[in-house]
Amino acid sequence: MKKLIFGGIMFFSGFAGILMLIGISTLYPYSFEYTTTRFFGFLQDSHTVLPFIIFAVLCFWGGIIAWNASYK
């Protein structure tokens, strides 16, 4: 598998996961105590902080791999 395709798949799957969590947070807003509200309150209250971090890392490294394969 080419690195460009692999990086693109990683990037778009991470990006789709982030968009999915943002979409769910608009439908079900939470507030975690009084200090954290909106998106971060949703992540903490629904226990989805770890998947968000995984999706963000996947998106970041996929972009780096695809960029590196494109301009090498």
C-alpha atoms as a PDB file:
ATOM      1  CA  MET A   1       0.000   0.000   0.000  1.00  0.00           C
ATOM      2  CA  LYS A   2       1.370   3.377  -0.885  1.00  0.00           C
ATOM      3  CA  LYS A   3       2.159   5.741   1.947  1.00  0.00           C
ATOM      4  CA  LEU A   4       0.037   8.469   0.418  1.00  0.00           C
ATOM      5  CA  ILE A   5      -3.083   6.306   0.358  1.00  0.00           C
ATOM      6  CA  PHE A   6      -2.376   4.974   3.853  1.00  0.00           C
ATOM      7  CA  GLY A   7      -1.889   8.506   5.224  1.00  0.00           C
ATOM      8  CA  GLY A   8      -5.026   9.723   3.476  1.00  0.00           C
ATOM      9  CA  ILE A   9      -7.095   6.916   4.935  1.00  0.00           C
ATOM     10  CA  MET A  10      -5.726   7.638   8.407  1.00  0.00           C
ATOM     11  CA  PHE A  11      -6.383  11.362   8.047  1.00  0.00           C
ATOM     12  CA  PHE A  12      -9.943  11.033   6.796  1.00  0.00           C
ATOM     13  CA  SER A  13     -10.913   8.361   9.314  1.00  0.00           C
ATOM     14  CA  GLY A  14      -9.627  10.538  12.181  1.00  0.00           C
ATOM     15  CA  PHE A  15     -11.354  13.584  10.724  1.00  0.00           C
ATOM     16  CA  ALA A  16     -14.630  11.668  10.363  1.00  0.00           C
ATOM     17  CA  GLY A  17     -14.393  10.538  13.982  1.00  0.00           C
ATOM     18  CA  ILE A  18     -13.845  14.095  15.181  1.00  0.00           C
ATOM     19  CA  LEU A  19     -16.790  15.335  13.111  1.00  0.00           C
ATOM     20  CA  MET A  20     -18.946  12.519  14.515  1.00  0.00           C
ATOM     21  CA  LEU A  21     -18.135  13.543  18.098  1.00  0.00           C
ATOM     22  CA  ILE A  22     -18.819  17.212  17.308  1.00  0.00           C
ATOM     23  CA  GLY A  23     -22.165  16.276  15.731  1.00  0.00           C
ATOM     24  CA  ILE A  24     -23.189  14.175  18.715  1.00  0.00           C
ATOM     25  CA  SER A  25     -22.182  16.968  21.090  1.00  0.00           C
ATOM     26  CA  THR A  26     -24.531  19.395  19.346  1.00  0.00           C
ATOM     27  CA  LEU A  27     -27.428  16.979  19.790  1.00  0.00           C
ATOM     28  CA  TYR A  28     -26.678  16.081  23.423  1.00  0.00           C
ATOM     29  CA  PRO A  29     -24.961  18.997  25.175  1.00  0.00           C
ATOM     30  CA  TYR A  30     -23.712  18.279  28.667  1.00  0.00           C
ATOM     31  CA  SER A  31     -22.291  20.458  31.385  1.00  0.00           C
ATOM     32  CA  PHE A  32     -19.665  18.995  33.663  1.00  0.00           C
ATOM     33  CA  GLU A  33     -20.071  20.878  36.938  1.00  0.00           C
ATOM     34  CA  TYR A  34     -19.934  24.634  36.376  1.00  0.00           C
ATOM     35  CA  THR A  35     -16.380  25.043  35.119  1.00  0.00           C
ATOM     36  CA  THR A  36     -16.462  22.976  31.925  1.00  0.00           C
ATOM     37  CA  THR A  37     -19.344  23.323  29.504  1.00  0.00           C
ATOM     38  CA  ARG A  38     -20.115  22.827  25.842  1.00  0.00           C
ATOM     39  CA  PHE A  39     -17.833  20.485  23.875  1.00  0.00           C
ATOM     40  CA  PHE A  40     -15.328  19.683  26.609  1.00  0.00           C
ATOM     41  CA  GLY A  41     -18.152  19.171  29.072  1.00  0.00           C
ATOM     42  CA  PHE A  42     -19.697  16.717  26.624  1.00  0.00           C
ATOM     43  CA  LEU A  43     -16.405  14.833  26.291  1.00  0.00           C
ATOM     44  CA  GLN A  44     -15.970  14.558  30.039  1.00  0.00           C
ATOM     45  CA  ASP A  45     -19.565  13.720  30.891  1.00  0.00           C
ATOM     46  CA  SER A  46     -20.011  11.088  28.171  1.00  0.00           C
ATOM     47  CA  HIS A  47     -16.530   9.607  28.760  1.00  0.00           C
ATOM     48  CA  THR A  48     -15.367  10.159  25.185  1.00  0.00           C
ATOM     49  CA  VAL A  49     -12.144  12.050  25.899  1.00  0.00           C
ATOM     50  CA  LEU A  50      -9.971   9.054  25.001  1.00  0.00           C
ATOM     51  CA  PRO A  51     -11.667   8.407  21.622  1.00  0.00           C
ATOM     52  CA  PHE A  52     -11.356  12.110  20.812  1.00  0.00           C
ATOM     53  CA  ILE A  53      -7.630  12.028  21.573  1.00  0.00           C
ATOM     54  CA  ILE A  54      -7.226   8.873  19.473  1.00  0.00           C
ATOM     55  CA  PHE A  55      -9.084  10.446  16.536  1.00  0.00           C
ATOM     56  CA  ALA A  56      -7.026  13.646  16.822  1.00  0.00           C
ATOM     57  CA  VAL A  57      -3.739  11.715  16.863  1.00  0.00           C
ATOM     58  CA  LEU A  58      -4.918   9.564  13.955  1.00  0.00           C
ATOM     59  CA  CYS A  59      -5.825  12.671  11.964  1.00  0.00           C
ATOM     60  CA  PHE A  60      -2.537  14.401  12.783  1.00  0.00           C
ATOM     61  CA  TRP A  61      -0.261  11.467  11.945  1.00  0.00           C
ATOM     62  CA  GLY A  62      -2.254  10.611   8.831  1.00  0.00           C
ATOM     63  CA  GLY A  63      -1.779  14.164   7.600  1.00  0.00           C
ATOM     64  CA  ILE A  64       1.940  14.042   8.359  1.00  0.00           C
ATOM     65  CA  ILE A  65       2.368  10.706   6.539  1.00  0.00           C
ATOM     66  CA  ALA A  66       0.381  11.887   3.508  1.00  0.00           C
ATOM     67  CA  TRP A  67       2.228  15.197   3.368  1.00  0.00           C
ATOM     68  CA  ASN A  68       5.582  13.468   3.694  1.00  0.00           C
ATOM     69  CA  ALA A  69       4.705  11.008   0.910  1.00  0.00           C
ATOM     70  CA  SER A  70       3.473  13.823  -1.339  1.00  0.00           C
ATOM     71  CA  TYR A  71       6.490  16.082  -1.079  1.00  0.00           C
ATOM     72  CA  LYS A  72       9.282  13.535  -0.832  1.00  0.00           C
END
